[in-house]
C-alpha atoms as a PDB file:
ATOM      1  CA  MET A   1     110.967 -49.392 -96.346  1.00  0.00           C
ATOM      2  CA  THR A   2     110.740 -50.079-100.034  1.00  0.00           C
ATOM      3  CA  ARG A   3     110.253 -53.287-101.191  1.00  0.00           C
ATOM      4  CA  ASP A   4     114.092 -53.644-102.227  1.00  0.00           C
ATOM      5  CA  ASP A   5     115.012 -52.438 -98.334  1.00  0.00           C
ATOM      6  CA  LYS A   6     113.117 -55.453 -97.251  1.00  0.00           C
ATOM      7  CA  LYS A   7     114.790 -57.560 -99.445  1.00  0.00           C
ATOM      8  CA  LYS A   8     117.809 -56.506 -98.515  1.00  0.00           C
ATOM      9  CA  LEU A   9     117.221 -57.255 -94.587  1.00  0.00           C
ATOM     10  CA  LEU A  10     115.733 -60.467 -95.372  1.00  0.00           C
ATOM     11  CA  ILE A  11     119.190 -61.467 -97.613  1.00  0.00           C
ATOM     12  CA  VAL A  12     121.127 -60.166 -94.567  1.00  0.00           C
ATOM     13  CA  GLN A  13     118.698 -61.607 -91.877  1.00  0.00           C
ATOM     14  CA  GLY A  14     119.383 -65.042 -94.193  1.00  0.00           C
ATOM     15  CA  MET A  15     123.149 -64.700 -93.964  1.00  0.00           C
ATOM     16  CA  VAL A  16     123.145 -64.396 -90.105  1.00  0.00           C
ATOM     17  CA  HIS A  17     121.531 -67.352 -89.498  1.00  0.00           C
ATOM     18  CA  ARG A  18     123.342 -69.419 -91.704  1.00  0.00           C
ATOM     19  CA  LEU A  19     126.249 -68.019 -90.182  1.00  0.00           C
ATOM     20  CA  GLU A  20     124.793 -69.026 -86.406  1.00  0.00           C
ATOM     21  CA  ILE A  21     124.084 -72.034 -87.648  1.00  0.00           C
ATOM     22  CA  ALA A  22     127.711 -73.018 -88.809  1.00  0.00           C
ATOM     23  CA  HIS A  23     129.111 -71.530 -85.729  1.00  0.00           C
ATOM     24  CA  GLY A  24     126.970 -74.131 -83.668  1.00  0.00           C
ATOM     25  CA  LEU A  25     128.006 -77.019 -85.932  1.00  0.00           C
ATOM     26  CA  ASP A  26     131.773 -76.170 -85.545  1.00  0.00           C
ATOM     27  CA  GLN A  27     131.540 -75.942 -81.609  1.00  0.00           C
ATOM     28  CA  LEU A  28     129.414 -78.770 -81.520  1.00  0.00           C
ATOM     29  CA  LYS A  29     132.489 -80.812 -83.937  1.00  0.00           C
ATOM     30  CA  SER A  30     135.001 -79.540 -81.477  1.00  0.00           C
ATOM     31  CA  GLN A  31     133.692 -80.222 -77.871  1.00  0.00           C
ATOM     32  CA  THR A  32     132.041 -83.683 -79.039  1.00  0.00           C
ATOM     33  CA  ARG A  33     134.384 -86.801 -78.587  1.00  0.00           C
ATOM     34  CA  PRO A  34     133.052 -89.839 -80.692  1.00  0.00           C
ATOM     35  CA  THR A  35     133.332 -92.388 -77.834  1.00  0.00           C
ATOM     36  CA  ALA A  36     131.273 -89.820 -75.206  1.00  0.00           C
ATOM     37  CA  PHE A  37     127.915 -91.623 -76.165  1.00  0.00           C
ATOM     38  CA  LEU A  38     129.508 -95.195 -75.704  1.00  0.00           C
ATOM     39  CA  SER A  39     131.458 -94.659 -72.591  1.00  0.00           C
ATOM     40  CA  LYS A  40     127.571 -93.706 -70.971  1.00  0.00           C
ATOM     41  CA  LEU A  41     125.631 -96.529 -72.688  1.00  0.00           C
ATOM     42  CA  PRO A  42     126.044 -99.062 -69.983  1.00  0.00           C
ATOM     43  CA  GLY A  43     125.567 -96.772 -67.474  1.00  0.00           C
ATOM     44  CA  VAL A  44     121.999 -95.896 -69.017  1.00  0.00           C
ATOM     45  CA  ILE A  45     121.383 -99.325 -69.644  1.00  0.00           C
ATOM     46  CA  LYS A  46     121.761-100.103 -65.661  1.00  0.00           C
ATOM     47  CA  LEU A  47     119.556 -97.532 -64.971  1.00  0.00           C
ATOM     48  CA  ILE A  48     116.882 -98.171 -66.779  1.00  0.00           C
ATOM     49  CA  MET A  49     117.081-101.738 -65.626  1.00  0.00           C
ATOM     50  CA  ALA A  50     117.334-100.846 -62.025  1.00  0.00           C
ATOM     51  CA  SER A  51     114.276 -98.677 -61.904  1.00  0.00           C
ATOM     52  CA  ASN A  52     110.591-100.228 -62.377  1.00  0.00           C
ATOM     53  CA  ALA A  53     110.999-100.885 -66.098  1.00  0.00           C
ATOM     54  CA  LEU A  54     107.669-103.082 -66.389  1.00  0.00           C
ATOM     55  CA  PRO A  55     105.763 -99.954 -67.785  1.00  0.00           C
ATOM     56  CA  LEU A  56     108.188 -99.096 -70.275  1.00  0.00           C
ATOM     57  CA  LEU A  57     108.743-103.174 -71.464  1.00  0.00           C
ATOM     58  CA  SER A  58     104.661-103.131 -71.779  1.00  0.00           C
ATOM     59  CA  THR A  59     105.067 -99.851 -74.519  1.00  0.00           C
ATOM     60  CA  LEU A  60     108.236-101.415 -76.138  1.00  0.00           C
ATOM     61  CA  VAL A  61     106.630-104.898 -76.696  1.00  0.00           C
ATOM     62  CA  PRO A  62     104.253-104.042 -79.042  1.00  0.00           C
ATOM     63  CA  LEU A  63     106.953-102.378 -81.220  1.00  0.00           C
ATOM     64  CA  VAL A  64     109.378-104.868 -81.020  1.00  0.00           C
ATOM     65  CA  LEU A  65     106.656-107.852 -81.940  1.00  0.00           C
ATOM     66  CA  GLY A  66     104.591-106.226 -84.507  1.00  0.00           C
ATOM     67  CA  LYS A  67     104.813-107.180 -88.009  1.00  0.00           C
ATOM     68  CA  ASN A  68     104.469-103.542 -89.247  1.00  0.00           C
ATOM     69  CA  LYS A  69     107.402-101.183 -90.620  1.00  0.00           C
ATOM     70  CA  LEU A  70     107.608 -99.444 -87.184  1.00  0.00           C
ATOM     71  CA  SER A  71     108.109-102.128 -85.350  1.00  0.00           C
ATOM     72  CA  ARG A  72     110.619-103.957 -87.787  1.00  0.00           C
ATOM     73  CA  LEU A  73     112.626-100.559 -87.690  1.00  0.00           C
ATOM     74  CA  VAL A  74     112.197-100.768 -83.628  1.00  0.00           C
ATOM     75  CA  ARG A  75     113.867-104.070 -83.705  1.00  0.00           C
ATOM     76  CA  ARG A  76     116.500-103.404 -85.578  1.00  0.00           C
ATOM     77  CA  VAL A  77     117.649-100.210 -83.432  1.00  0.00           C
ATOM     78  CA  VAL A  78     117.023-102.310 -80.337  1.00  0.00           C
ATOM     79  CA  LEU A  79     119.470-104.812 -81.664  1.00  0.00           C
ATOM     80  CA  ILE A  80     121.884-102.449 -82.787  1.00  0.00           C
ATOM     81  CA  VAL A  81     121.750-100.837 -79.461  1.00  0.00           C
ATOM     82  CA  GLY A  82     121.833-103.802 -77.003  1.00  0.00           C
ATOM     83  CA  GLY A  83     124.776-105.213 -79.475  1.00  0.00           C
ATOM     84  CA  GLY A  84     126.762-101.430 -78.762  1.00  0.00           C
ATOM     85  CA  ALA A  85     126.085-101.889 -74.833  1.00  0.00           C
ATOM     86  CA  ALA A  86     127.226-105.441 -75.356  1.00  0.00           C
ATOM     87  CA  LEU A  87     130.458-104.642 -76.920  1.00  0.00           C
ATOM     88  CA  THR A  88     130.942-101.497 -75.015  1.00  0.00           C
ATOM     89  CA  ALA A  89     131.131-103.533 -71.407  1.00  0.00           C
ATOM     90  CA  ILE A  90     132.981-106.066 -73.226  1.00  0.00           C
ATOM     91  CA  ILE A  91     135.967-103.480 -73.877  1.00  0.00           C
ATOM     92  CA  GLN A  92     135.445-102.119 -70.455  1.00  0.00           C
ATOM     93  CA  ARG A  93     136.060-105.220 -68.721  1.00  0.00           C
ATOM     94  CA  TRP A  94     138.889-105.922 -71.045  1.00  0.00           C
ATOM     95  CA  LYS A  95     140.495-102.454 -70.579  1.00  0.00           C
ATOM     96  CA  SER A  96     139.968-103.053 -66.913  1.00  0.00           C
ATOM     97  CA  ALA A  97     141.591-106.339 -66.780  1.00  0.00           C
ATOM     98  CA  ARG A  98     144.591-105.362 -68.918  1.00  0.00           C
ATOM     99  CA  SER A  99     144.865-102.107 -66.252  1.00  0.00           C
ATOM    100  CA  LYS A 100     144.860-104.310 -63.227  1.00  0.00           C
ATOM    101  CA  THR A 101     147.254-107.005 -64.773  1.00  0.00           C
ATOM    102  CA  ASN A 102     149.859-104.159 -66.244  1.00  0.00           C
ATOM    103  CA  PRO A 103     150.549-101.835 -63.267  1.00  0.00           C
END
């Protein structure tokens, strides 16, 4: 195989790889819903709280209470996820109460 043949083969392999990536992204976009994660978030939080959460909390405490950049980032993420979980729970309770009152 000559150098030009190897170059052409490499170009074709790159094109196939990019097409596979584009096809995979298209499938992900068509099969996912934006609310899929938010609808499962309260269940995940309940599962974590129902299990033995002490080892998990003992691992996360230094990250949340520290003063370095990583702990500040983790603290922000934890607050955002907690706010999202609370908002999701409120919306689900509101929807269930609304469906009970409107038969």
